[in-house]
Amino acid sequence: MNTNENVKYFDLHTAGIGYLNRVRQVTPEEGTPFLAVTIAAIHGSVSNVQHTYFECGVYGEQAQNTVRELQPAVEGESKVLIGFTLSDLRADSFTFKQGDKAGETGVNLKARLIKIAWAKVDGEKVSIQQQRVA
């Protein structure tokens, strides 16, 4: 088996805008700790904005650095709006354990946050470092 062969992939990327929430370090029982966020993506008519929530692992140096720079604003309850690119979107089902929906099935949308193109904190554009391609 030749380990030097180039592995090829089909990429599925999702681009959008949304609010950055719940910046956190996740430490799984098995595996490597990773940076995670929740994105409340916005879509629909301006007069009737809809939100779709994505639970995301943050991958790539640029995205990780940008999320860490924005973390104090998120934790300070500022509105942090980002232009984002996600990859590897998938749905995971779960069962609600309590509340009005106890026993019902729900779905979490999960993805990898791989790029943040721009960011605004409380409506003010902030400078972010873009990843350079060699």
N, C-alpha and C. Protein backbone atom coordinates (compact mmCIF):
# COMPACT_ATOMS: atom_id res chain seq x y z
N MET A 1 0.85 -1.19 0.00
CA MET A 1 0.00 0.00 0.00
C MET A 1 0.89 1.23 0.00
N ASN A 2 0.63 2.15 -0.90
CA ASN A 2 1.41 3.36 -1.02
C ASN A 2 0.78 4.46 -0.17
N THR A 3 1.47 4.88 0.88
CA THR A 3 0.93 5.89 1.79
C THR A 3 1.15 7.30 1.27
N ASN A 4 1.86 7.45 0.16
CA ASN A 4 2.13 8.77 -0.39
C ASN A 4 1.08 9.22 -1.40
N GLU A 5 0.06 8.39 -1.63
CA GLU A 5 -0.99 8.76 -2.57
C GLU A 5 -1.78 9.94 -2.04
N ASN A 6 -2.18 10.84 -2.94
CA ASN A 6 -3.01 11.96 -2.54
C ASN A 6 -4.44 11.47 -2.30
N VAL A 7 -4.97 11.80 -1.15
CA VAL A 7 -6.34 11.44 -0.82
C VAL A 7 -7.23 12.55 -1.37
N LYS A 8 -8.29 12.18 -2.07
CA LYS A 8 -9.19 13.16 -2.66
C LYS A 8 -10.52 13.12 -1.92
N TYR A 9 -11.13 14.30 -1.79
CA TYR A 9 -12.39 14.42 -1.08
C TYR A 9 -13.39 15.21 -1.92
N PHE A 10 -14.66 15.00 -1.67
CA PHE A 10 -15.71 15.85 -2.19
C PHE A 10 -16.14 16.74 -1.04
N ASP A 11 -16.00 18.03 -1.21
CA ASP A 11 -16.32 18.98 -0.15
C ASP A 11 -17.76 19.46 -0.26
N LEU A 12 -18.41 19.56 0.88
CA LEU A 12 -19.73 20.18 0.97
C LEU A 12 -19.59 21.32 1.96
N HIS A 13 -19.66 22.55 1.46
CA HIS A 13 -19.52 23.72 2.31
C HIS A 13 -20.84 24.47 2.37
N THR A 14 -21.09 25.05 3.51
CA THR A 14 -22.26 25.88 3.74
C THR A 14 -21.78 27.25 4.17
N ALA A 15 -22.21 28.30 3.48
CA ALA A 15 -21.80 29.66 3.83
C ALA A 15 -23.02 30.44 4.28
N GLY A 16 -22.81 31.35 5.23
CA GLY A 16 -23.92 32.16 5.70
C GLY A 16 -23.46 33.22 6.67
N ILE A 17 -24.44 33.86 7.31
CA ILE A 17 -24.16 34.80 8.37
C ILE A 17 -24.96 34.39 9.59
N GLY A 18 -24.42 34.70 10.76
CA GLY A 18 -25.13 34.34 11.97
C GLY A 18 -24.43 34.86 13.20
N TYR A 19 -25.05 34.63 14.33
CA TYR A 19 -24.52 35.09 15.61
C TYR A 19 -23.69 34.00 16.27
N LEU A 20 -22.52 34.40 16.76
CA LEU A 20 -21.60 33.49 17.44
C LEU A 20 -22.01 33.41 18.91
N ASN A 21 -22.17 32.18 19.42
CA ASN A 21 -22.60 31.94 20.80
C ASN A 21 -21.82 30.79 21.41
N ARG A 22 -21.87 30.67 22.72
CA ARG A 22 -21.38 29.52 23.48
C ARG A 22 -19.98 29.06 23.05
N VAL A 23 -19.01 29.95 23.13
CA VAL A 23 -17.62 29.57 22.86
C VAL A 23 -17.15 28.75 24.05
N ARG A 24 -16.60 27.55 23.76
CA ARG A 24 -16.20 26.68 24.87
C ARG A 24 -15.16 25.67 24.41
N GLN A 25 -14.42 25.16 25.37
CA GLN A 25 -13.46 24.08 25.15
C GLN A 25 -14.16 22.78 25.55
N VAL A 26 -14.22 21.83 24.64
CA VAL A 26 -14.87 20.55 24.91
C VAL A 26 -13.79 19.50 25.14
N THR A 27 -13.92 18.76 26.23
CA THR A 27 -12.98 17.69 26.54
C THR A 27 -13.75 16.37 26.55
N PRO A 28 -13.68 15.63 25.44
CA PRO A 28 -14.41 14.36 25.38
C PRO A 28 -13.77 13.31 26.28
N GLU A 29 -14.54 12.29 26.66
CA GLU A 29 -14.00 11.21 27.49
C GLU A 29 -12.86 10.52 26.78
N GLU A 30 -13.01 10.35 25.48
CA GLU A 30 -11.93 9.79 24.68
C GLU A 30 -11.66 10.76 23.54
N GLY A 31 -10.40 10.96 23.22
CA GLY A 31 -10.07 11.87 22.13
C GLY A 31 -9.42 13.14 22.62
N THR A 32 -9.21 14.03 21.69
CA THR A 32 -8.50 15.28 21.93
C THR A 32 -9.48 16.42 22.21
N PRO A 33 -9.19 17.27 23.20
CA PRO A 33 -10.04 18.44 23.44
C PRO A 33 -10.10 19.33 22.20
N PHE A 34 -11.23 20.04 22.03
CA PHE A 34 -11.37 20.92 20.88
C PHE A 34 -12.22 22.13 21.23
N LEU A 35 -12.04 23.19 20.44
CA LEU A 35 -12.80 24.42 20.59
C LEU A 35 -14.15 24.23 19.89
N ALA A 36 -15.23 24.69 20.53
CA ALA A 36 -16.57 24.53 19.96
C ALA A 36 -17.36 25.82 20.13
N VAL A 37 -18.33 26.02 19.25
CA VAL A 37 -19.21 27.18 19.30
C VAL A 37 -20.61 26.77 18.86
N THR A 38 -21.57 27.62 19.15
CA THR A 38 -22.90 27.51 18.57
C THR A 38 -23.08 28.72 17.67
N ILE A 39 -23.56 28.48 16.46
CA ILE A 39 -23.86 29.58 15.54
C ILE A 39 -25.37 29.61 15.33
N ALA A 40 -25.96 30.78 15.53
CA ALA A 40 -27.38 30.99 15.22
C ALA A 40 -27.42 31.65 13.85
N ALA A 41 -27.48 30.83 12.81
CA ALA A 41 -27.50 31.34 11.44
C ALA A 41 -28.82 32.03 11.17
N ILE A 42 -28.77 33.14 10.44
CA ILE A 42 -29.99 33.87 10.13
C ILE A 42 -30.32 33.72 8.65
N HIS A 43 -31.63 33.59 8.39
CA HIS A 43 -32.08 33.44 7.01
C HIS A 43 -33.55 33.84 6.93
N GLY A 44 -34.03 33.98 5.72
CA GLY A 44 -35.42 34.34 5.52
C GLY A 44 -35.58 35.82 5.25
N SER A 45 -36.80 36.26 5.21
CA SER A 45 -37.14 37.65 4.95
C SER A 45 -36.62 38.55 6.06
N VAL A 46 -36.19 39.75 5.69
CA VAL A 46 -35.71 40.71 6.68
C VAL A 46 -36.81 41.05 7.68
N SER A 47 -38.06 41.00 7.22
CA SER A 47 -39.18 41.32 8.12
C SER A 47 -39.60 40.13 8.98
N ASN A 48 -39.05 38.94 8.69
CA ASN A 48 -39.40 37.75 9.46
C ASN A 48 -38.18 36.82 9.52
N VAL A 49 -37.14 37.27 10.19
CA VAL A 49 -35.87 36.55 10.25
C VAL A 49 -36.04 35.22 10.98
N GLN A 50 -35.48 34.17 10.41
CA GLN A 50 -35.49 32.84 11.00
C GLN A 50 -34.07 32.51 11.49
N HIS A 51 -33.97 31.63 12.47
CA HIS A 51 -32.67 31.18 13.00
C HIS A 51 -32.57 29.67 12.89
N THR A 52 -31.42 29.20 12.45
CA THR A 52 -31.08 27.78 12.46
C THR A 52 -29.79 27.65 13.25
N TYR A 53 -29.78 26.75 14.21
CA TYR A 53 -28.64 26.62 15.12
C TYR A 53 -27.73 25.48 14.67
N PHE A 54 -26.43 25.75 14.67
CA PHE A 54 -25.40 24.77 14.34
C PHE A 54 -24.45 24.64 15.52
N GLU A 55 -24.23 23.40 15.96
CA GLU A 55 -23.19 23.11 16.96
C GLU A 55 -21.93 22.78 16.18
N CYS A 56 -20.87 23.54 16.41
CA CYS A 56 -19.69 23.43 15.56
C CYS A 56 -18.41 23.21 16.34
N GLY A 57 -17.60 22.28 15.86
CA GLY A 57 -16.20 22.22 16.25
C GLY A 57 -15.50 23.25 15.39
N VAL A 58 -14.47 23.90 15.93
CA VAL A 58 -13.76 24.95 15.20
C VAL A 58 -12.45 24.36 14.69
N TYR A 59 -12.27 24.38 13.36
CA TYR A 59 -11.11 23.76 12.74
C TYR A 59 -10.36 24.78 11.90
N GLY A 60 -9.06 24.66 11.90
CA GLY A 60 -8.21 25.56 11.12
C GLY A 60 -7.71 26.69 11.99
N GLU A 61 -6.49 27.07 11.76
CA GLU A 61 -5.83 28.09 12.57
C GLU A 61 -6.56 29.43 12.53
N GLN A 62 -6.98 29.86 11.34
CA GLN A 62 -7.64 31.17 11.20
C GLN A 62 -8.94 31.20 11.99
N ALA A 63 -9.77 30.18 11.83
CA ALA A 63 -11.06 30.15 12.54
C ALA A 63 -10.84 30.07 14.05
N GLN A 64 -9.90 29.25 14.50
CA GLN A 64 -9.65 29.12 15.93
C GLN A 64 -9.15 30.45 16.52
N ASN A 65 -8.20 31.09 15.84
CA ASN A 65 -7.67 32.37 16.34
C ASN A 65 -8.77 33.42 16.39
N THR A 66 -9.61 33.48 15.35
CA THR A 66 -10.67 34.48 15.31
C THR A 66 -11.70 34.24 16.42
N VAL A 67 -12.09 32.99 16.62
CA VAL A 67 -13.05 32.68 17.69
C VAL A 67 -12.47 33.08 19.05
N ARG A 68 -11.20 32.78 19.28
CA ARG A 68 -10.58 33.16 20.57
C ARG A 68 -10.54 34.68 20.74
N GLU A 69 -10.31 35.42 19.64
CA GLU A 69 -10.31 36.88 19.72
C GLU A 69 -11.71 37.41 20.03
N LEU A 70 -12.74 36.75 19.51
CA LEU A 70 -14.11 37.20 19.71
C LEU A 70 -14.73 36.68 21.01
N GLN A 71 -14.11 35.71 21.64
CA GLN A 71 -14.66 35.07 22.85
C GLN A 71 -15.00 36.08 23.95
N PRO A 72 -14.13 37.05 24.28
CA PRO A 72 -14.50 38.00 25.34
C PRO A 72 -15.78 38.79 25.01
N ALA A 73 -15.98 39.13 23.75
CA ALA A 73 -17.19 39.85 23.36
C ALA A 73 -18.42 38.96 23.53
N VAL A 74 -18.30 37.68 23.12
CA VAL A 74 -19.42 36.74 23.27
C VAL A 74 -19.74 36.56 24.75
N GLU A 75 -18.72 36.36 25.57
CA GLU A 75 -18.94 36.16 27.00
C GLU A 75 -19.44 37.42 27.68
N GLY A 76 -19.13 38.59 27.11
CA GLY A 76 -19.62 39.86 27.65
C GLY A 76 -21.01 40.21 27.15
N GLU A 77 -21.65 39.25 26.47
CA GLU A 77 -23.02 39.37 25.99
C GLU A 77 -23.18 40.42 24.90
N SER A 78 -22.09 40.71 24.16
CA SER A 78 -22.20 41.55 22.97
C SER A 78 -22.80 40.71 21.86
N LYS A 79 -23.41 41.36 20.88
CA LYS A 79 -23.91 40.66 19.70
C LYS A 79 -22.75 40.54 18.72
N VAL A 80 -22.33 39.30 18.47
CA VAL A 80 -21.21 39.04 17.57
C VAL A 80 -21.76 38.35 16.33
N LEU A 81 -21.76 39.10 15.22
CA LEU A 81 -22.27 38.62 13.94
C LEU A 81 -21.07 38.26 13.06
N ILE A 82 -21.12 37.09 12.42
CA ILE A 82 -20.00 36.65 11.60
C ILE A 82 -20.49 36.18 10.23
N GLY A 83 -19.59 36.28 9.25
CA GLY A 83 -19.76 35.61 7.98
C GLY A 83 -18.97 34.32 8.08
N PHE A 84 -19.58 33.17 7.85
CA PHE A 84 -18.93 31.91 8.15
C PHE A 84 -19.00 30.93 6.99
N THR A 85 -18.09 29.95 7.04
CA THR A 85 -18.15 28.79 6.16
C THR A 85 -18.07 27.55 7.04
N LEU A 86 -19.03 26.63 6.82
CA LEU A 86 -19.08 25.36 7.54
C LEU A 86 -18.78 24.23 6.57
N SER A 87 -18.30 23.13 7.10
CA SER A 87 -18.14 21.92 6.29
C SER A 87 -18.65 20.72 7.08
N ASP A 88 -18.80 19.61 6.39
CA ASP A 88 -19.19 18.34 7.00
C ASP A 88 -20.47 18.43 7.82
N LEU A 89 -21.49 19.09 7.28
CA LEU A 89 -22.77 19.23 7.96
C LEU A 89 -23.44 17.86 8.12
N ARG A 90 -23.97 17.62 9.33
CA ARG A 90 -24.67 16.37 9.59
C ARG A 90 -25.72 16.62 10.67
N ALA A 91 -26.69 15.73 10.74
CA ALA A 91 -27.74 15.83 11.75
C ALA A 91 -27.60 14.67 12.72
N ASP A 92 -27.68 14.96 14.02
CA ASP A 92 -27.68 13.94 15.06
C ASP A 92 -29.00 14.02 15.82
N SER A 93 -29.67 12.88 15.96
CA SER A 93 -30.93 12.88 16.69
C SER A 93 -30.68 12.62 18.18
N PHE A 94 -31.62 13.07 18.99
CA PHE A 94 -31.55 12.85 20.43
C PHE A 94 -32.98 12.80 20.97
N THR A 95 -33.13 12.38 22.20
CA THR A 95 -34.43 12.35 22.86
C THR A 95 -34.44 13.36 23.99
N PHE A 96 -35.44 14.25 23.98
CA PHE A 96 -35.57 15.21 25.07
C PHE A 96 -35.82 14.45 26.36
N LYS A 97 -35.09 14.82 27.42
CA LYS A 97 -35.19 14.12 28.70
C LYS A 97 -36.12 14.81 29.68
N GLN A 98 -36.41 16.10 29.46
CA GLN A 98 -37.28 16.82 30.40
C GLN A 98 -38.02 17.93 29.68
N GLY A 99 -38.94 18.56 30.39
CA GLY A 99 -39.69 19.67 29.82
C GLY A 99 -40.90 19.21 29.02
N ASP A 100 -41.49 20.16 28.29
CA ASP A 100 -42.69 19.89 27.50
C ASP A 100 -42.47 18.85 26.42
N LYS A 101 -41.23 18.71 25.94
CA LYS A 101 -40.94 17.78 24.85
C LYS A 101 -40.34 16.46 25.33
N ALA A 102 -40.36 16.20 26.63
CA ALA A 102 -39.77 14.98 27.19
C ALA A 102 -40.27 13.76 26.43
N GLY A 103 -39.34 12.92 26.00
CA GLY A 103 -39.67 11.71 25.28
C GLY A 103 -39.72 11.88 23.77
N GLU A 104 -39.79 13.13 23.30
CA GLU A 104 -39.83 13.39 21.86
C GLU A 104 -38.41 13.40 21.29
N THR A 105 -38.34 13.15 19.98
CA THR A 105 -37.06 13.17 19.28
C THR A 105 -36.77 14.57 18.77
N GLY A 106 -35.52 15.01 18.95
CA GLY A 106 -35.06 16.28 18.42
C GLY A 106 -33.85 16.04 17.54
N VAL A 107 -33.41 17.08 16.85
CA VAL A 107 -32.26 16.98 15.95
C VAL A 107 -31.31 18.13 16.22
N ASN A 108 -30.03 17.80 16.35
CA ASN A 108 -28.96 18.81 16.41
C ASN A 108 -28.26 18.82 15.07
N LEU A 109 -28.06 20.01 14.51
CA LEU A 109 -27.25 20.15 13.31
C LEU A 109 -25.82 20.41 13.75
N LYS A 110 -24.90 19.60 13.27
CA LYS A 110 -23.50 19.72 13.65
C LYS A 110 -22.66 19.93 12.41
N ALA A 111 -21.56 20.66 12.57
CA ALA A 111 -20.68 20.95 11.44
C ALA A 111 -19.31 21.35 11.97
N ARG A 112 -18.41 21.56 11.02
CA ARG A 112 -17.09 22.11 11.34
C ARG A 112 -17.07 23.56 10.88
N LEU A 113 -16.75 24.48 11.79
CA LEU A 113 -16.54 25.87 11.42
C LEU A 113 -15.12 25.97 10.88
N ILE A 114 -14.99 26.28 9.58
CA ILE A 114 -13.65 26.27 8.97
C ILE A 114 -13.16 27.65 8.55
N LYS A 115 -14.06 28.65 8.49
CA LYS A 115 -13.62 29.99 8.11
C LYS A 115 -14.57 31.04 8.63
N ILE A 116 -14.01 32.15 9.08
CA ILE A 116 -14.77 33.34 9.42
C ILE A 116 -14.26 34.44 8.49
N ALA A 117 -15.12 34.92 7.60
CA ALA A 117 -14.73 35.90 6.59
C ALA A 117 -14.70 37.32 7.15
N TRP A 118 -15.63 37.61 8.07
CA TRP A 118 -15.71 38.94 8.68
C TRP A 118 -16.48 38.81 10.00
N ALA A 119 -16.37 39.86 10.81
CA ALA A 119 -17.06 39.86 12.10
C ALA A 119 -17.46 41.28 12.47
N LYS A 120 -18.60 41.39 13.16
CA LYS A 120 -19.06 42.65 13.73
C LYS A 120 -19.42 42.40 15.19
N VAL A 121 -19.01 43.30 16.05
CA VAL A 121 -19.36 43.24 17.46
C VAL A 121 -20.24 44.44 17.75
N ASP A 122 -21.47 44.17 18.17
CA ASP A 122 -22.47 45.22 18.41
C ASP A 122 -22.56 46.18 17.22
N GLY A 123 -22.53 45.62 16.00
CA GLY A 123 -22.71 46.41 14.78
C GLY A 123 -21.45 47.05 14.24
N GLU A 124 -20.35 46.99 14.97
CA GLU A 124 -19.09 47.59 14.54
C GLU A 124 -18.18 46.52 13.95
N LYS A 125 -17.73 46.75 12.71
CA LYS A 125 -16.85 45.78 12.06
C LYS A 125 -15.52 45.72 12.81
N VAL A 126 -15.04 44.50 13.02
CA VAL A 126 -13.75 44.30 13.68
C VAL A 126 -12.79 43.65 12.69
N SER A 127 -11.53 43.95 12.86
CA SER A 127 -10.51 43.41 11.98
C SER A 127 -10.17 41.99 12.42
N ILE A 128 -10.15 41.08 11.45
CA ILE A 128 -9.73 39.72 11.74
C ILE A 128 -8.63 39.35 10.77
N GLN A 129 -7.74 38.52 11.23
CA GLN A 129 -6.62 38.10 10.40
C GLN A 129 -7.08 36.98 9.47
N GLN A 130 -6.89 37.19 8.18
CA GLN A 130 -7.25 36.17 7.19
C GLN A 130 -6.12 35.18 7.02
N GLN A 131 -6.47 33.97 6.77
CA GLN A 131 -5.48 32.90 6.54
C GLN A 131 -4.83 33.14 5.19
N ARG A 132 -3.51 33.08 5.15
CA ARG A 132 -2.78 33.28 3.91
C ARG A 132 -2.49 31.94 3.26
N VAL A 133 -2.69 31.89 1.97
CA VAL A 133 -2.41 30.67 1.22
C VAL A 133 -1.05 30.82 0.59
N ALA A 134 -0.17 29.85 0.84
CA ALA A 134 1.20 29.92 0.32
C ALA A 134 1.24 29.59 -1.16
